[in-house]
Amino acid sequence: MKIIKVVLLVFLLVSLGSCSREKQLGSKQNPVKMYFVPSMEAGTIITSAQRIADYLEEMTGYHYKVAVPTSYASVIEALGTEETDIAWLATFAYILANEKFGAEVALTTIRKGLAKYRGQFVTQTKSDIKTLEDIDGKVIAYTDAASTSGYMYPSALLKQKNIKPKNSFFAGGHPQAILAVYQGRADVGCTFWSPPGENGEIHDARRAVLDTHPDVVEKVRIVDYTDWIPNDTVTFRKNFPPAMREKIVKALIDFANTAEGHNTLVELFDIDNFIKAKDSDYDIVRNTIKALEADVSDYIQ
């Protein structure tokens, strides 16, 4: 009888150990979950994201699951519940995730050799809006409440200049804000700006709708810009295993330095490369918030 009990106990322990191993982070049963903000059409993002995940799986041996939630806020909240492990977050979204959940930036994106970018104010080419002051009394399409270039910085700049729009709304993303202006639903749109390419091709938010609206550059023009902003991030949830994090970070940098990887990242978010980052790199954003006599917690809903 004792022998049977011992055998059963050993079997139970082995079974439990096996289940534990199967559910280890990075296994098929518990893949590393990687979320992307919905800054463009979700299907387009998923296609590029899956290529990244496939490369990471090959290089790190971990399994991955990619997804594009419906809002920036959903991605931020997922970091707090361990629903996701890695999030490709816009700058201000990272600030919120760090403040609320202790999320930690690992990489800053590089575009055209720059680790920073600006927000832009756009309007229809035929509009009589020529300066920021002309926005007073007009309707603005922002992107998302957690977007740095599409809401935080432009709204702060207007507040500093005492410019008061008639109304504003969140369009749901950068392409959507561009289309709101293009279609006449808003007088002004606030989106990200990146420098033009070597041949003059645009790389700002208008590029995202060129395929469906090829005349967008002729019909939507830039009015002005915000101050410079640190680029968006690759962020890990709090308490993500450090050894796994280092392995994934190295693999992402290696991916960016391959021809296929570079092309994939350009297609995804117009990213050329990454640099390793630390939280203090984003203090300039926190200082901007303080200059508005606000606190990061004021923006956490």
Protein backbone atom coordinates (compact mmCIF):
# COMPACT_ATOMS: atom_id res chain seq x y z
CA MET A 1 0.00 0.00 0.00
CA LYS A 2 2.80 2.39 0.93
CA ILE A 3 4.57 1.60 -2.33
CA ILE A 4 1.40 2.47 -4.27
CA LYS A 5 1.08 5.78 -2.40
CA VAL A 6 4.70 6.65 -3.12
CA VAL A 7 4.27 5.81 -6.80
CA LEU A 8 1.10 7.93 -6.98
CA LEU A 9 2.86 10.82 -5.24
CA VAL A 10 5.80 10.66 -7.62
CA PHE A 11 3.40 10.52 -10.57
CA LEU A 12 1.50 13.53 -9.25
CA LEU A 13 4.65 15.58 -8.77
CA VAL A 14 5.93 14.69 -12.23
CA SER A 15 2.56 15.59 -13.73
CA LEU A 16 2.45 18.91 -11.92
CA GLY A 17 6.01 19.67 -13.00
CA SER A 18 5.11 18.82 -16.56
CA CYS A 19 2.06 21.12 -16.48
CA SER A 20 4.18 23.89 -14.99
CA ARG A 21 6.74 23.55 -17.74
CA GLU A 22 4.01 23.52 -20.40
CA LYS A 23 2.59 26.76 -19.03
CA GLN A 24 5.93 28.52 -18.71
CA LEU A 25 6.01 31.93 -20.34
CA GLY A 26 7.12 31.52 -23.93
CA SER A 27 5.64 28.05 -24.32
CA LYS A 28 2.90 27.19 -26.84
CA GLN A 29 0.38 27.08 -23.99
CA ASN A 30 1.55 30.43 -22.62
CA PRO A 31 3.11 32.43 -25.46
CA VAL A 32 4.71 35.84 -25.01
CA LYS A 33 1.86 38.20 -25.82
CA MET A 34 2.78 41.24 -27.90
CA TYR A 35 0.24 44.04 -28.49
CA PHE A 36 0.35 46.89 -30.99
CA VAL A 37 -1.55 50.20 -30.79
CA PRO A 38 -4.19 50.74 -33.50
CA SER A 39 -2.43 53.60 -35.28
CA MET A 40 -3.48 52.24 -38.68
CA GLU A 41 -5.72 49.52 -40.12
CA ALA A 42 -5.49 46.48 -37.82
CA GLY A 43 -5.05 43.92 -40.60
CA THR A 44 -2.04 45.80 -41.96
CA ILE A 45 -0.43 45.87 -38.52
CA ILE A 46 -1.07 42.16 -37.88
CA THR A 47 0.63 41.15 -41.14
CA SER A 48 3.87 42.91 -40.18
CA ALA A 49 3.55 41.97 -36.51
CA GLN A 50 3.34 38.28 -37.37
CA ARG A 51 6.55 38.50 -39.39
CA ILE A 52 8.24 40.01 -36.33
CA ALA A 53 6.82 37.27 -34.11
CA ASP A 54 8.01 34.55 -36.50
CA TYR A 55 11.54 35.96 -36.48
CA LEU A 56 11.56 36.31 -32.69
CA GLU A 57 10.39 32.73 -32.29
CA GLU A 58 13.21 31.50 -34.51
CA MET A 59 15.86 33.57 -32.72
CA THR A 60 14.70 33.21 -29.10
CA GLY A 61 12.91 29.88 -29.05
CA TYR A 62 9.85 31.44 -27.42
CA HIS A 63 6.35 31.36 -28.85
CA TYR A 64 4.46 34.62 -29.45
CA LYS A 65 0.92 35.85 -29.89
CA VAL A 66 0.28 39.24 -31.53
CA ALA A 67 -2.85 41.38 -31.35
CA VAL A 68 -4.17 44.89 -32.05
CA PRO A 69 -6.73 46.00 -29.44
CA THR A 70 -9.32 48.64 -30.31
CA SER A 71 -7.66 51.57 -28.51
CA TYR A 72 -4.44 52.83 -26.96
CA ALA A 73 -6.13 52.57 -23.55
CA SER A 74 -6.85 48.87 -24.09
CA VAL A 75 -3.16 48.22 -24.73
CA ILE A 76 -2.15 50.16 -21.61
CA GLU A 77 -4.67 48.30 -19.43
CA ALA A 78 -3.47 44.96 -20.81
CA LEU A 79 0.02 45.70 -19.42
CA GLY A 80 -1.47 46.02 -15.95
CA THR A 81 -3.32 42.71 -16.01
CA GLU A 82 -0.55 40.66 -17.66
CA GLU A 83 -2.91 40.16 -20.56
CA THR A 84 0.07 41.28 -22.60
CA ASP A 85 3.81 41.11 -21.97
CA ILE A 86 5.15 43.49 -24.61
CA ALA A 87 3.47 46.58 -26.03
CA TRP A 88 4.55 48.79 -28.90
CA LEU A 89 3.41 52.02 -27.28
CA ALA A 90 3.22 55.59 -28.44
CA THR A 91 5.19 57.99 -26.26
CA PHE A 92 2.46 59.35 -24.00
CA ALA A 93 0.83 55.93 -23.80
CA TYR A 94 4.14 54.70 -22.37
CA ILE A 95 4.15 57.49 -19.78
CA LEU A 96 0.67 56.43 -18.68
CA ALA A 97 1.56 52.73 -18.60
CA ASN A 98 4.67 53.45 -16.55
CA GLU A 99 2.79 55.67 -14.10
CA LYS A 100 -0.14 53.32 -13.63
CA PHE A 101 1.42 49.87 -13.93
CA GLY A 102 5.20 50.24 -13.69
CA ALA A 103 5.71 49.21 -17.33
CA GLU A 104 9.31 49.61 -18.47
CA VAL A 105 10.58 50.96 -21.79
CA ALA A 106 13.27 48.83 -23.45
CA LEU A 107 13.64 50.33 -26.93
CA THR A 108 13.05 53.66 -28.63
CA THR A 109 12.31 53.60 -32.35
CA ILE A 110 14.50 55.36 -34.92
CA ARG A 111 13.12 57.03 -38.05
CA LYS A 112 15.29 58.70 -40.65
CA GLY A 113 18.15 58.68 -38.15
CA LEU A 114 16.06 60.49 -35.52
CA ALA A 115 14.93 59.28 -32.10
CA LYS A 116 12.35 62.07 -31.94
CA TYR A 117 9.46 63.40 -33.99
CA ARG A 118 6.79 66.10 -33.97
CA GLY A 119 3.06 66.41 -34.12
CA GLN A 120 1.45 68.28 -36.99
CA PHE A 121 -1.72 70.30 -37.50
CA VAL A 122 -3.30 69.67 -40.91
CA THR A 123 -6.22 71.20 -42.78
CA GLN A 124 -7.72 71.10 -46.26
CA THR A 125 -5.62 72.85 -48.89
CA LYS A 126 -8.54 75.15 -49.75
CA SER A 127 -9.06 76.10 -46.08
CA ASP A 128 -8.49 79.66 -44.89
CA ILE A 129 -6.59 78.32 -41.86
CA LYS A 130 -3.01 79.57 -42.29
CA THR A 131 -1.71 79.78 -38.71
CA LEU A 132 -2.37 78.17 -35.35
CA GLU A 133 -4.33 81.24 -34.31
CA ASP A 134 -6.79 80.56 -37.14
CA ILE A 135 -7.77 77.32 -35.38
CA ASP A 136 -9.67 79.36 -32.81
CA GLY A 137 -13.35 78.50 -33.09
CA LYS A 138 -12.76 75.55 -35.45
CA VAL A 139 -13.43 71.79 -35.11
CA ILE A 140 -10.42 69.57 -34.38
CA ALA A 141 -10.02 65.83 -34.95
CA TYR A 142 -7.53 64.39 -32.46
CA THR A 143 -6.37 60.78 -32.77
CA ASP A 144 -6.62 59.19 -29.32
CA ALA A 145 -6.55 60.48 -25.75
CA ALA A 146 -3.29 58.58 -25.12
CA SER A 147 -1.53 59.81 -28.28
CA THR A 148 1.36 62.21 -27.73
CA SER A 149 1.50 63.76 -31.20
CA GLY A 150 -2.19 63.32 -31.96
CA TYR A 151 -3.53 64.84 -28.75
CA MET A 152 -1.21 65.58 -25.83
CA TYR A 153 1.28 67.95 -27.46
CA PRO A 154 -1.07 69.74 -29.87
CA SER A 155 -3.75 70.32 -27.22
CA ALA A 156 -1.05 71.59 -24.84
CA LEU A 157 0.27 74.00 -27.48
CA LEU A 158 -3.20 75.39 -28.15
CA LYS A 159 -3.78 75.81 -24.43
CA GLN A 160 -0.48 77.67 -24.02
CA LYS A 161 -1.46 80.04 -26.84
CA ASN A 162 -5.02 80.44 -25.48
CA ILE A 163 -6.46 79.12 -28.74
CA LYS A 164 -9.92 77.68 -28.13
CA PRO A 165 -11.42 75.33 -30.72
CA LYS A 166 -15.19 75.29 -31.16
CA ASN A 167 -15.27 71.53 -30.72
CA SER A 168 -13.02 68.47 -30.82
CA PHE A 169 -13.36 64.71 -31.05
CA PHE A 170 -11.19 61.59 -31.11
CA ALA A 171 -11.14 60.04 -34.56
CA GLY A 172 -9.63 56.75 -33.37
CA GLY A 173 -6.18 56.90 -34.96
CA HIS A 174 -3.85 58.90 -37.20
CA PRO A 175 -5.32 57.79 -40.56
CA GLN A 176 -8.81 58.46 -39.21
CA ALA A 177 -7.87 62.01 -38.18
CA ILE A 178 -6.44 62.66 -41.64
CA LEU A 179 -9.62 61.34 -43.24
CA ALA A 180 -11.78 63.47 -40.96
CA VAL A 181 -10.11 66.53 -42.48
CA TYR A 182 -10.08 65.10 -46.01
CA GLN A 183 -13.83 64.39 -45.82
CA GLY A 184 -14.66 67.73 -44.21
CA ARG A 185 -15.81 66.36 -40.85
CA ALA A 186 -13.14 68.42 -39.09
CA ASP A 187 -11.44 71.71 -39.92
CA VAL A 188 -8.13 70.58 -38.43
CA GLY A 189 -6.51 67.23 -37.72
CA CYS A 190 -3.67 66.50 -35.29
CA THR A 191 -1.36 63.62 -36.20
CA PHE A 192 2.30 62.62 -36.21
CA TRP A 193 4.90 64.15 -38.53
CA SER A 194 8.09 62.49 -39.77
CA PRO A 195 10.62 64.00 -42.20
CA PRO A 196 10.08 63.40 -45.94
CA GLY A 197 12.16 60.74 -47.68
CA GLU A 198 15.23 61.45 -49.79
CA ASN A 199 13.08 61.79 -52.91
CA GLY A 200 10.55 64.01 -51.21
CA GLU A 201 7.98 61.28 -50.55
CA ILE A 202 5.90 61.99 -47.46
CA HIS A 203 6.31 59.97 -44.27
CA ASP A 204 3.81 61.78 -42.05
CA ALA A 205 0.36 60.42 -41.19
CA ARG A 206 -1.04 61.22 -44.65
CA ARG A 207 1.03 58.37 -46.03
CA ALA A 208 -1.22 55.83 -44.28
CA VAL A 209 -4.17 56.70 -46.54
CA LEU A 210 -2.33 57.19 -49.84
CA ASP A 211 -3.40 53.82 -51.21
CA THR A 212 -7.10 54.56 -50.78
CA HIS A 213 -6.93 58.34 -51.21
CA PRO A 214 -4.02 59.07 -53.60
CA ASP A 215 -4.86 62.78 -53.76
CA VAL A 216 -4.55 63.28 -49.99
CA VAL A 217 -1.28 65.24 -50.32
CA GLU A 218 -2.92 67.66 -52.74
CA LYS A 219 -6.04 68.05 -50.61
CA VAL A 220 -4.60 68.04 -47.07
CA ARG A 221 -1.71 70.37 -46.11
CA ILE A 222 0.30 71.04 -42.95
CA VAL A 223 -0.42 74.21 -40.98
CA ASP A 224 2.16 73.99 -38.18
CA TYR A 225 4.04 71.65 -35.83
CA THR A 226 4.35 70.85 -32.14
CA ASP A 227 7.61 70.70 -30.18
CA TRP A 228 9.86 67.65 -30.60
CA ILE A 229 8.82 64.43 -28.86
CA PRO A 230 10.85 61.28 -28.02
CA ASN A 231 9.88 58.49 -30.42
CA ASP A 232 7.52 55.64 -29.57
CA THR A 233 8.59 52.60 -27.62
CA VAL A 234 8.80 48.87 -27.22
CA THR A 235 7.69 48.42 -23.62
CA PHE A 236 7.62 45.42 -21.28
CA ARG A 237 5.19 44.82 -18.44
CA LYS A 238 6.41 45.07 -14.87
CA ASN A 239 8.21 41.96 -13.59
CA PHE A 240 8.79 40.51 -17.05
CA PRO A 241 11.71 38.04 -16.68
CA PRO A 242 14.94 40.04 -17.26
CA ALA A 243 16.78 37.27 -19.11
CA MET A 244 13.88 36.81 -21.52
CA ARG A 245 13.65 40.55 -22.00
CA GLU A 246 17.33 40.86 -22.96
CA LYS A 247 17.01 38.00 -25.41
CA ILE A 248 13.96 39.55 -27.08
CA VAL A 249 15.49 43.05 -27.19
CA LYS A 250 18.62 41.73 -28.88
CA ALA A 251 16.54 39.79 -31.39
CA LEU A 252 14.47 42.89 -32.26
CA ILE A 253 17.62 44.94 -32.87
CA ASP A 254 19.04 42.14 -35.00
CA PHE A 255 15.75 41.94 -36.93
CA ALA A 256 15.92 45.67 -37.72
CA ASN A 257 19.38 45.16 -39.20
CA THR A 258 18.25 42.53 -41.71
CA ALA A 259 16.86 43.56 -45.10
CA GLU A 260 13.56 41.75 -44.51
CA GLY A 261 13.30 43.06 -40.97
CA HIS A 262 13.96 46.64 -41.99
CA ASN A 263 11.32 46.46 -44.71
CA THR A 264 8.81 44.94 -42.30
CA LEU A 265 9.37 47.65 -39.69
CA VAL A 266 9.07 50.39 -42.32
CA GLU A 267 5.77 48.89 -43.47
CA LEU A 268 4.60 48.58 -39.88
CA PHE A 269 5.28 51.99 -38.31
CA ASP A 270 7.88 53.52 -40.66
CA ILE A 271 10.62 52.36 -38.27
CA ASP A 272 14.24 52.14 -39.46
CA ASN A 273 15.87 50.81 -36.32
CA PHE A 274 15.88 50.82 -32.51
CA ILE A 275 18.10 52.09 -29.73
CA LYS A 276 18.06 50.83 -26.17
CA ALA A 277 16.15 53.19 -23.90
CA LYS A 278 15.55 53.97 -20.24
CA ASP A 279 12.63 55.58 -18.47
CA SER A 280 14.43 58.90 -17.85
CA ASP A 281 14.65 59.43 -21.63
CA TYR A 282 10.95 60.32 -21.42
CA ASP A 283 11.18 62.86 -18.60
CA ILE A 284 10.89 65.64 -21.17
CA VAL A 285 7.30 64.55 -21.79
CA ARG A 286 6.58 64.53 -18.08
CA ASN A 287 8.04 68.03 -17.84
CA THR A 288 5.73 69.19 -20.64
CA ILE A 289 2.78 67.88 -18.67
CA LYS A 290 3.98 69.71 -15.56
CA ALA A 291 4.34 72.91 -17.59
CA LEU A 292 0.60 72.63 -18.22
CA GLU A 293 0.11 72.52 -14.44
CA ALA A 294 -1.16 69.00 -14.81
CA ASP A 295 -0.13 65.58 -13.58
CA VAL A 296 0.21 62.31 -15.47
CA SER A 297 -2.46 60.83 -13.21
CA ASP A 298 -4.88 63.47 -14.51
CA TYR A 299 -4.84 61.70 -17.87
CA ILE A 300 -5.41 58.19 -16.51
CA GLN A 301 -9.06 57.23 -16.95
